[in-house]
Amino acid sequence: MIAKTTKEINGLIEIGRVVALVRDTLAQAVRPGITTLELDKMAKDLLDQEGALSAPKSSYDFPGYTCISVNEVACHGIPVNIPLKAGDWVNIDVSASKNGFFADTGMTVIAGDMDLKQEDMLRVSREALKAGINAAKPGKSTAAIGKAIFKTAVTNNYTVLRNLTGHGIGTSLHEDPHYIFNYHERRESSLLHEGQVVAIETFISDGDEWVVDNPDGAWPMVTENHSQVVQFEHTVIVSKSGNRIVTASDYFHF
């Protein structure tokens, strides 16, 4: 989507606020003993209160209102009635629509206290997201975003997933550009325009570079050797006057 009018920009800001509220509420509720099903119920209640619709459920009939991925699951984790344990890696990915506009955001947190590796991976993934957002400029290629993310990862002795990507967003969950890679991929890159709305997300890995489909066709995806992956994501309106992060909040901002 190219956001041009005040109505469009305000619509994106509003749904950005809603998904940020859900993301932050769930992230702060993560603790040992709570289940991801309980977290997902909190998300449903908040979305209902805000007059918003879960995008994965409404667009793809996903079996949850949010995607909550734990430990070795890299993405598309289905909320389940299993208590989280101390030290679990928990990725909360929230996308929703309101009044015809969509936003998508995500962050990874730790249940309970985090160790030094967890702290470092979360730091690097956030820094990579910031670098990717700063690289998004009108007239520049989406490949510049991936280049910035990848550079941050490898400088800190990590790598990225090559087959999970960011994407365009706006009046649907997934729009052009359909693939915003976490590395410098020229072959499927496209130029960004003033007002372009994109969901930029990092997939920082401590080993593997690919996720694989489950053989039974289930939603959750894992890396080939079960490497740990950390994801952070913001929805951004690209502008020469400064990118607007519509999913930013006091809890998750740069």
C-alpha atoms as a PDB file:
ATOM      1  CA  MET A   1       0.000   0.000   0.000  1.00  0.00           C
ATOM      2  CA  ILE A   2       1.055   3.562  -0.694  1.00  0.00           C
ATOM      3  CA  ALA A   3      -0.457   5.749   2.026  1.00  0.00           C
ATOM      4  CA  LYS A   4      -1.297   9.143   0.529  1.00  0.00           C
ATOM      5  CA  THR A   5      -4.255  10.631   2.354  1.00  0.00           C
ATOM      6  CA  THR A   6      -4.722  11.737   5.939  1.00  0.00           C
ATOM      7  CA  LYS A   7      -7.516   9.166   6.276  1.00  0.00           C
ATOM      8  CA  GLU A   8      -5.193   6.361   5.199  1.00  0.00           C
ATOM      9  CA  ILE A   9      -2.354   7.464   7.466  1.00  0.00           C
ATOM     10  CA  ASN A  10      -4.667   7.875  10.451  1.00  0.00           C
ATOM     11  CA  GLY A  11      -6.208   4.464   9.776  1.00  0.00           C
ATOM     12  CA  LEU A  12      -2.772   2.866   9.811  1.00  0.00           C
ATOM     13  CA  ILE A  13      -1.797   4.728  12.966  1.00  0.00           C
ATOM     14  CA  GLU A  14      -4.951   3.495  14.698  1.00  0.00           C
ATOM     15  CA  ILE A  15      -4.515  -0.179  13.853  1.00  0.00           C
ATOM     16  CA  GLY A  16      -0.813   0.175  14.659  1.00  0.00           C
ATOM     17  CA  ARG A  17      -1.780   1.392  18.116  1.00  0.00           C
ATOM     18  CA  VAL A  18      -4.123  -1.568  18.583  1.00  0.00           C
ATOM     19  CA  VAL A  19      -1.640  -4.292  17.642  1.00  0.00           C
ATOM     20  CA  ALA A  20       1.071  -2.583  19.712  1.00  0.00           C
ATOM     21  CA  LEU A  21      -1.283  -2.599  22.702  1.00  0.00           C
ATOM     22  CA  VAL A  22      -1.945  -6.313  22.267  1.00  0.00           C
ATOM     23  CA  ARG A  23       1.754  -7.097  21.731  1.00  0.00           C
ATOM     24  CA  ASP A  24       2.859  -5.167  24.796  1.00  0.00           C
ATOM     25  CA  THR A  25       0.106  -6.566  27.018  1.00  0.00           C
ATOM     26  CA  LEU A  26       0.969 -10.142  26.106  1.00  0.00           C
ATOM     27  CA  ALA A  27       4.725  -9.575  26.331  1.00  0.00           C
ATOM     28  CA  GLN A  28       4.409  -8.175  29.840  1.00  0.00           C
ATOM     29  CA  ALA A  29       2.153 -11.065  30.867  1.00  0.00           C
ATOM     30  CA  VAL A  30       4.675 -13.733  29.842  1.00  0.00           C
ATOM     31  CA  ARG A  31       5.896 -15.637  32.896  1.00  0.00           C
ATOM     32  CA  PRO A  32       6.571 -19.224  33.926  1.00  0.00           C
ATOM     33  CA  GLY A  33       3.272 -21.043  34.457  1.00  0.00           C
ATOM     34  CA  ILE A  34       1.069 -19.105  32.052  1.00  0.00           C
ATOM     35  CA  THR A  35      -0.030 -20.863  28.865  1.00  0.00           C
ATOM     36  CA  THR A  36       0.115 -19.438  25.372  1.00  0.00           C
ATOM     37  CA  LEU A  37      -3.601 -20.247  25.103  1.00  0.00           C
ATOM     38  CA  GLU A  38      -4.233 -17.882  28.019  1.00  0.00           C
ATOM     39  CA  LEU A  39      -2.138 -15.218  26.308  1.00  0.00           C
ATOM     40  CA  ASP A  40      -4.095 -15.685  23.091  1.00  0.00           C
ATOM     41  CA  LYS A  41      -7.392 -15.294  24.985  1.00  0.00           C
ATOM     42  CA  MET A  42      -6.083 -11.982  26.330  1.00  0.00           C
ATOM     43  CA  ALA A  43      -5.341 -10.948  22.745  1.00  0.00           C
ATOM     44  CA  LYS A  44      -8.849 -11.861  21.577  1.00  0.00           C
ATOM     45  CA  ASP A  45     -10.428  -9.857  24.380  1.00  0.00           C
ATOM     46  CA  LEU A  46      -8.304  -6.790  23.606  1.00  0.00           C
ATOM     47  CA  LEU A  47      -8.984  -6.995  19.872  1.00  0.00           C
ATOM     48  CA  ASP A  48     -12.716  -7.281  20.566  1.00  0.00           C
ATOM     49  CA  GLN A  49     -12.593  -4.266  22.883  1.00  0.00           C
ATOM     50  CA  GLU A  50     -10.792  -2.234  20.216  1.00  0.00           C
ATOM     51  CA  GLY A  51     -13.116  -3.272  17.389  1.00  0.00           C
ATOM     52  CA  ALA A  52     -10.316  -5.031  15.504  1.00  0.00           C
ATOM     53  CA  LEU A  53     -10.077  -8.409  13.786  1.00  0.00           C
ATOM     54  CA  SER A  54      -7.269 -10.922  14.104  1.00  0.00           C
ATOM     55  CA  ALA A  55      -5.564 -10.978  10.700  1.00  0.00           C
ATOM     56  CA  PRO A  56      -4.256 -14.567  10.762  1.00  0.00           C
ATOM     57  CA  LYS A  57      -7.652 -15.883  11.799  1.00  0.00           C
ATOM     58  CA  SER A  58      -9.731 -13.750   9.421  1.00  0.00           C
ATOM     59  CA  SER A  59      -7.344 -13.963   6.446  1.00  0.00           C
ATOM     60  CA  TYR A  60      -5.971 -17.497   6.761  1.00  0.00           C
ATOM     61  CA  ASP A  61      -8.218 -19.315   9.263  1.00  0.00           C
ATOM     62  CA  PHE A  62      -5.253 -19.685  11.622  1.00  0.00           C
ATOM     63  CA  PRO A  63      -6.145 -21.648  14.792  1.00  0.00           C
ATOM     64  CA  GLY A  64      -5.454 -18.719  17.116  1.00  0.00           C
ATOM     65  CA  TYR A  65      -5.841 -14.958  17.322  1.00  0.00           C
ATOM     66  CA  THR A  66      -2.076 -14.460  17.509  1.00  0.00           C
ATOM     67  CA  CYS A  67       0.977 -16.499  16.570  1.00  0.00           C
ATOM     68  CA  ILE A  68       2.923 -17.387  19.721  1.00  0.00           C
ATOM     69  CA  SER A  69       6.085 -19.379  19.033  1.00  0.00           C
ATOM     70  CA  VAL A  70       8.061 -20.996  21.843  1.00  0.00           C
ATOM     71  CA  ASN A  71      11.715 -22.069  21.856  1.00  0.00           C
ATOM     72  CA  GLU A  72      12.679 -23.924  18.651  1.00  0.00           C
ATOM     73  CA  VAL A  73       9.517 -22.850  16.791  1.00  0.00           C
ATOM     74  CA  ALA A  74      10.610 -20.002  14.506  1.00  0.00           C
ATOM     75  CA  CYS A  75       7.160 -18.791  13.459  1.00  0.00           C
ATOM     76  CA  HIS A  76       3.426 -19.567  13.242  1.00  0.00           C
ATOM     77  CA  GLY A  77       3.261 -21.090  16.703  1.00  0.00           C
ATOM     78  CA  ILE A  78      -0.260 -22.168  17.641  1.00  0.00           C
ATOM     79  CA  PRO A  79      -1.446 -21.158  21.138  1.00  0.00           C
ATOM     80  CA  VAL A  80      -1.706 -24.257  23.334  1.00  0.00           C
ATOM     81  CA  ASN A  81      -2.672 -25.162  26.886  1.00  0.00           C
ATOM     82  CA  ILE A  82       0.885 -25.951  28.020  1.00  0.00           C
ATOM     83  CA  PRO A  83       2.443 -23.826  30.804  1.00  0.00           C
ATOM     84  CA  LEU A  84       5.567 -21.882  29.918  1.00  0.00           C
ATOM     85  CA  LYS A  85       8.735 -22.817  31.781  1.00  0.00           C
ATOM     86  CA  ALA A  86      11.397 -20.514  33.192  1.00  0.00           C
ATOM     87  CA  GLY A  87      13.838 -19.584  30.448  1.00  0.00           C
ATOM     88  CA  ASP A  88      11.473 -20.279  27.538  1.00  0.00           C
ATOM     89  CA  TRP A  89      11.911 -18.065  24.465  1.00  0.00           C
ATOM     90  CA  VAL A  90       8.490 -16.662  23.546  1.00  0.00           C
ATOM     91  CA  ASN A  91       7.787 -14.841  20.291  1.00  0.00           C
ATOM     92  CA  ILE A  92       4.534 -12.893  20.132  1.00  0.00           C
ATOM     93  CA  ASP A  93       3.413 -11.958  16.614  1.00  0.00           C
ATOM     94  CA  VAL A  94       0.287  -9.804  16.414  1.00  0.00           C
ATOM     95  CA  SER A  95      -1.444  -8.711  13.223  1.00  0.00           C
ATOM     96  CA  ALA A  96      -4.936  -7.316  12.919  1.00  0.00           C
ATOM     97  CA  SER A  97      -7.246  -5.093  10.892  1.00  0.00           C
ATOM     98  CA  LYS A  98      -9.582  -2.243  11.738  1.00  0.00           C
ATOM     99  CA  ASN A  99     -11.681  -0.162   9.353  1.00  0.00           C
ATOM    100  CA  GLY A 100      -9.963  -1.846   6.414  1.00  0.00           C
ATOM    101  CA  PHE A 101      -6.375  -1.170   7.496  1.00  0.00           C
ATOM    102  CA  PHE A 102      -3.824  -3.756   8.663  1.00  0.00           C
ATOM    103  CA  ALA A 103      -0.720  -3.657  10.864  1.00  0.00           C
ATOM    104  CA  ASP A 104       1.713  -6.365  11.936  1.00  0.00           C
ATOM    105  CA  THR A 105       4.192  -6.436  14.807  1.00  0.00           C
ATOM    106  CA  GLY A 106       6.163  -8.878  16.902  1.00  0.00           C
ATOM    107  CA  MET A 107       8.698  -9.253  19.647  1.00  0.00           C
ATOM    108  CA  THR A 108      10.523 -11.993  21.511  1.00  0.00           C
ATOM    109  CA  VAL A 109      10.645 -12.128  25.302  1.00  0.00           C
ATOM    110  CA  ILE A 110      11.852 -14.619  27.900  1.00  0.00           C
ATOM    111  CA  ALA A 111       9.659 -16.302  30.505  1.00  0.00           C
ATOM    112  CA  GLY A 112      11.282 -15.313  33.789  1.00  0.00           C
ATOM    113  CA  ASP A 113      14.927 -14.308  34.042  1.00  0.00           C
ATOM    114  CA  MET A 114      17.072 -14.387  30.913  1.00  0.00           C
ATOM    115  CA  ASP A 115      20.621 -15.635  30.609  1.00  0.00           C
ATOM    116  CA  LEU A 116      23.464 -13.793  28.864  1.00  0.00           C
ATOM    117  CA  LYS A 117      22.919 -15.501  25.505  1.00  0.00           C
ATOM    118  CA  GLN A 118      19.235 -14.663  25.516  1.00  0.00           C
ATOM    119  CA  GLU A 119      19.961 -11.067  26.435  1.00  0.00           C
ATOM    120  CA  ASP A 120      22.506 -10.811  23.617  1.00  0.00           C
ATOM    121  CA  MET A 121      20.291 -12.340  20.924  1.00  0.00           C
ATOM    122  CA  LEU A 122      17.371 -10.115  21.850  1.00  0.00           C
ATOM    123  CA  ARG A 123      19.636  -7.059  21.768  1.00  0.00           C
ATOM    124  CA  VAL A 124      21.064  -7.932  18.358  1.00  0.00           C
ATOM    125  CA  SER A 125      17.644  -8.646  16.842  1.00  0.00           C
ATOM    126  CA  ARG A 126      16.325  -5.277  18.031  1.00  0.00           C
ATOM    127  CA  GLU A 127      19.422  -3.524  16.704  1.00  0.00           C
ATOM    128  CA  ALA A 128      18.992  -5.308  13.379  1.00  0.00           C
ATOM    129  CA  LEU A 129      15.384  -4.148  13.169  1.00  0.00           C
ATOM    130  CA  LYS A 130      16.425  -0.568  13.869  1.00  0.00           C
ATOM    131  CA  ALA A 131      19.085  -0.806  11.153  1.00  0.00           C
ATOM    132  CA  GLY A 132      16.577  -2.226   8.691  1.00  0.00           C
ATOM    133  CA  ILE A 133      14.044   0.511   9.395  1.00  0.00           C
ATOM    134  CA  ASN A 134      16.709   3.200   9.015  1.00  0.00           C
ATOM    135  CA  ALA A 135      17.697   1.700   5.641  1.00  0.00           C
ATOM    136  CA  ALA A 136      14.138   1.938   4.304  1.00  0.00           C
ATOM    137  CA  LYS A 137      13.970   5.117   2.208  1.00  0.00           C
ATOM    138  CA  PRO A 138      11.960   6.242  -0.817  1.00  0.00           C
ATOM    139  CA  GLY A 139      13.901   5.424  -3.974  1.00  0.00           C
ATOM    140  CA  LYS A 140      15.994   2.781  -2.242  1.00  0.00           C
ATOM    141  CA  SER A 141      15.660  -0.942  -2.818  1.00  0.00           C
ATOM    142  CA  THR A 142      14.142  -3.356  -0.337  1.00  0.00           C
ATOM    143  CA  ALA A 143      17.498  -5.141  -0.637  1.00  0.00           C
ATOM    144  CA  ALA A 144      19.020  -2.303   1.400  1.00  0.00           C
ATOM    145  CA  ILE A 145      16.823  -3.327   4.329  1.00  0.00           C
ATOM    146  CA  GLY A 146      18.068  -6.907   4.171  1.00  0.00           C
ATOM    147  CA  LYS A 147      21.659  -5.768   3.808  1.00  0.00           C
ATOM    148  CA  ALA A 148      21.412  -3.691   6.996  1.00  0.00           C
ATOM    149  CA  ILE A 149      19.767  -6.517   8.955  1.00  0.00           C
ATOM    150  CA  PHE A 150      22.309  -9.081   7.781  1.00  0.00           C
ATOM    151  CA  LYS A 151      25.276  -6.829   8.547  1.00  0.00           C
ATOM    152  CA  THR A 152      24.062  -6.350  12.111  1.00  0.00           C
ATOM    153  CA  ALA A 153      23.587 -10.097  12.564  1.00  0.00           C
ATOM    154  CA  VAL A 154      26.964 -11.247  11.238  1.00  0.00           C
ATOM    155  CA  THR A 155      28.853  -8.445  12.991  1.00  0.00           C
ATOM    156  CA  ASN A 156      27.541  -9.941  16.222  1.00  0.00           C
ATOM    157  CA  ASN A 157      28.327 -13.562  15.246  1.00  0.00           C
ATOM    158  CA  TYR A 158      24.782 -14.557  14.297  1.00  0.00           C
ATOM    159  CA  THR A 159      23.102 -15.227  10.980  1.00  0.00           C
ATOM    160  CA  VAL A 160      19.601 -14.781   9.539  1.00  0.00           C
ATOM    161  CA  LEU A 161      16.842 -16.973   8.184  1.00  0.00           C
ATOM    162  CA  ARG A 162      16.734 -16.775   4.411  1.00  0.00           C
ATOM    163  CA  ASN A 163      13.214 -18.039   3.777  1.00  0.00           C
ATOM    164  CA  LEU A 164      11.249 -15.959   6.281  1.00  0.00           C
ATOM    165  CA  THR A 165      10.743 -12.339   5.324  1.00  0.00           C
ATOM    166  CA  GLY A 166       9.060  -9.038   5.941  1.00  0.00           C
ATOM    167  CA  HIS A 167       6.407  -7.837   3.493  1.00  0.00           C
ATOM    168  CA  GLY A 168       4.217  -5.040   2.280  1.00  0.00           C
ATOM    169  CA  ILE A 169       1.025  -4.392   4.220  1.00  0.00           C
ATOM    170  CA  GLY A 170      -1.829  -1.896   4.358  1.00  0.00           C
ATOM    171  CA  THR A 171      -5.268  -2.895   3.086  1.00  0.00           C
ATOM    172  CA  SER A 172      -4.425  -6.589   3.438  1.00  0.00           C
ATOM    173  CA  LEU A 173      -1.956  -8.500   5.577  1.00  0.00           C
ATOM    174  CA  HIS A 174       0.447  -9.368   2.751  1.00  0.00           C
ATOM    175  CA  GLU A 175       0.978  -7.014  -0.192  1.00  0.00           C
ATOM    176  CA  ASP A 176       3.737  -5.878  -2.537  1.00  0.00           C
ATOM    177  CA  PRO A 177       6.598  -6.040  -1.906  1.00  0.00           C
ATOM    178  CA  HIS A 178       5.865  -9.617  -0.874  1.00  0.00           C
ATOM    179  CA  TYR A 179       9.437 -10.424   0.163  1.00  0.00           C
ATOM    180  CA  ILE A 180      11.653  -8.167   2.261  1.00  0.00           C
ATOM    181  CA  PHE A 181      14.561 -10.472   2.979  1.00  0.00           C
ATOM    182  CA  ASN A 182      16.904 -10.450   5.970  1.00  0.00           C
ATOM    183  CA  TYR A 183      19.886 -10.369   3.631  1.00  0.00           C
ATOM    184  CA  HIS A 184      20.920  -8.568   0.426  1.00  0.00           C
ATOM    185  CA  GLU A 185      18.776 -10.291  -2.206  1.00  0.00           C
ATOM    186  CA  ARG A 186      18.783  -8.283  -5.440  1.00  0.00           C
ATOM    187  CA  ARG A 187      16.831 -10.705  -7.617  1.00  0.00           C
ATOM    188  CA  GLU A 188      13.514 -10.207  -5.835  1.00  0.00           C
ATOM    189  CA  SER A 189      13.986  -6.648  -4.620  1.00  0.00           C
ATOM    190  CA  SER A 190      11.852  -3.640  -5.511  1.00  0.00           C
ATOM    191  CA  LEU A 191      12.078   0.107  -5.064  1.00  0.00           C
ATOM    192  CA  LEU A 192      10.392   1.715  -2.088  1.00  0.00           C
ATOM    193  CA  HIS A 193       8.123   4.712  -2.627  1.00  0.00           C
ATOM    194  CA  GLU A 194       7.050   7.681  -0.547  1.00  0.00           C
ATOM    195  CA  GLY A 195       4.241   6.514   1.725  1.00  0.00           C
ATOM    196  CA  GLN A 196       4.917   2.805   1.177  1.00  0.00           C
ATOM    197  CA  VAL A 197       3.742   0.674   4.074  1.00  0.00           C
ATOM    198  CA  VAL A 198       5.949  -2.270   4.991  1.00  0.00           C
ATOM    199  CA  ALA A 199       6.243  -4.767   7.816  1.00  0.00           C
ATOM    200  CA  ILE A 200       9.959  -5.062   8.532  1.00  0.00           C
ATOM    201  CA  GLU A 201      10.919  -8.058  10.641  1.00  0.00           C
ATOM    202  CA  THR A 202      14.136  -9.663  11.749  1.00  0.00           C
ATOM    203  CA  PHE A 203      14.783 -13.389  11.991  1.00  0.00           C
ATOM    204  CA  ILE A 204      18.128 -13.667  13.774  1.00  0.00           C
ATOM    205  CA  SER A 205      19.462 -17.220  14.160  1.00  0.00           C
ATOM    206  CA  ASP A 206      22.290 -18.700  16.202  1.00  0.00           C
ATOM    207  CA  GLY A 207      22.993 -21.328  13.535  1.00  0.00           C
ATOM    208  CA  ASP A 208      20.604 -22.436  10.813  1.00  0.00           C
ATOM    209  CA  GLU A 209      19.642 -20.237   7.876  1.00  0.00           C
ATOM    210  CA  TRP A 210      16.476 -22.043   6.769  1.00  0.00           C
ATOM    211  CA  VAL A 211      13.176 -23.073   8.270  1.00  0.00           C
ATOM    212  CA  VAL A 212      11.464 -26.228   7.091  1.00  0.00           C
ATOM    213  CA  ASP A 213       7.806 -27.134   6.777  1.00  0.00           C
ATOM    214  CA  ASN A 214       6.391 -29.650   9.170  1.00  0.00           C
ATOM    215  CA  PRO A 215       5.859 -32.966   7.352  1.00  0.00           C
ATOM    216  CA  ASP A 216       2.305 -33.164   8.690  1.00  0.00           C
ATOM    217  CA  GLY A 217       1.449 -29.781   7.185  1.00  0.00           C
ATOM    218  CA  ALA A 218       0.968 -28.084  10.548  1.00  0.00           C
ATOM    219  CA  TRP A 219       1.446 -24.325  10.873  1.00  0.00           C
ATOM    220  CA  PRO A 220       4.552 -24.100  13.119  1.00  0.00           C
ATOM    221  CA  MET A 221       7.919 -23.944  11.353  1.00  0.00           C
ATOM    222  CA  VAL A 222      11.301 -24.848  12.822  1.00  0.00           C
ATOM    223  CA  THR A 223      14.894 -24.579  11.632  1.00  0.00           C
ATOM    224  CA  GLU A 224      16.601 -27.628  10.172  1.00  0.00           C
ATOM    225  CA  ASN A 225      18.666 -28.309  13.302  1.00  0.00           C
ATOM    226  CA  HIS A 226      16.421 -26.548  15.811  1.00  0.00           C
ATOM    227  CA  SER A 227      18.585 -23.440  16.098  1.00  0.00           C
ATOM    228  CA  GLN A 228      17.173 -20.613  18.175  1.00  0.00           C
ATOM    229  CA  VAL A 229      15.546 -17.739  16.270  1.00  0.00           C
ATOM    230  CA  VAL A 230      14.639 -14.279  17.597  1.00  0.00           C
ATOM    231  CA  GLN A 231      12.082 -12.109  15.787  1.00  0.00           C
ATOM    232  CA  PHE A 232      11.170  -8.448  16.181  1.00  0.00           C
ATOM    233  CA  GLU A 233       8.832  -6.585  13.833  1.00  0.00           C
ATOM    234  CA  HIS A 234       7.334  -3.158  13.204  1.00  0.00           C
ATOM    235  CA  THR A 235       4.954  -1.760  10.599  1.00  0.00           C
ATOM    236  CA  VAL A 236       6.456   1.333   8.985  1.00  0.00           C
ATOM    237  CA  ILE A 237       5.271   4.088   6.646  1.00  0.00           C
ATOM    238  CA  VAL A 238       8.327   4.978   4.560  1.00  0.00           C
ATOM    239  CA  SER A 239       8.907   8.709   4.102  1.00  0.00           C
ATOM    240  CA  LYS A 240      11.716  11.047   3.079  1.00  0.00           C
ATOM    241  CA  SER A 241      10.793  13.224   6.063  1.00  0.00           C
ATOM    242  CA  GLY A 242      11.385  10.310   8.432  1.00  0.00           C
ATOM    243  CA  ASN A 243       9.874   6.857   8.637  1.00  0.00           C
ATOM    244  CA  ARG A 244       6.779   6.542  10.793  1.00  0.00           C
ATOM    245  CA  ILE A 245       6.686   3.390  12.937  1.00  0.00           C
ATOM    246  CA  VAL A 246       2.960   2.950  13.501  1.00  0.00           C
ATOM    247  CA  THR A 247       3.459   0.013  15.893  1.00  0.00           C
ATOM    248  CA  ALA A 248       5.915   1.818  18.176  1.00  0.00           C
ATOM    249  CA  SER A 249       5.033   2.247  21.850  1.00  0.00           C
ATOM    250  CA  ASP A 250       6.634   3.309  25.104  1.00  0.00           C
ATOM    251  CA  TYR A 251       7.386  -0.385  25.677  1.00  0.00           C
ATOM    252  CA  PHE A 252       8.884  -1.094  22.237  1.00  0.00           C
ATOM    253  CA  HIS A 253      10.543   1.800  20.450  1.00  0.00           C
ATOM    254  CA  PHE A 254      13.955   3.033  19.331  1.00  0.00           C
END
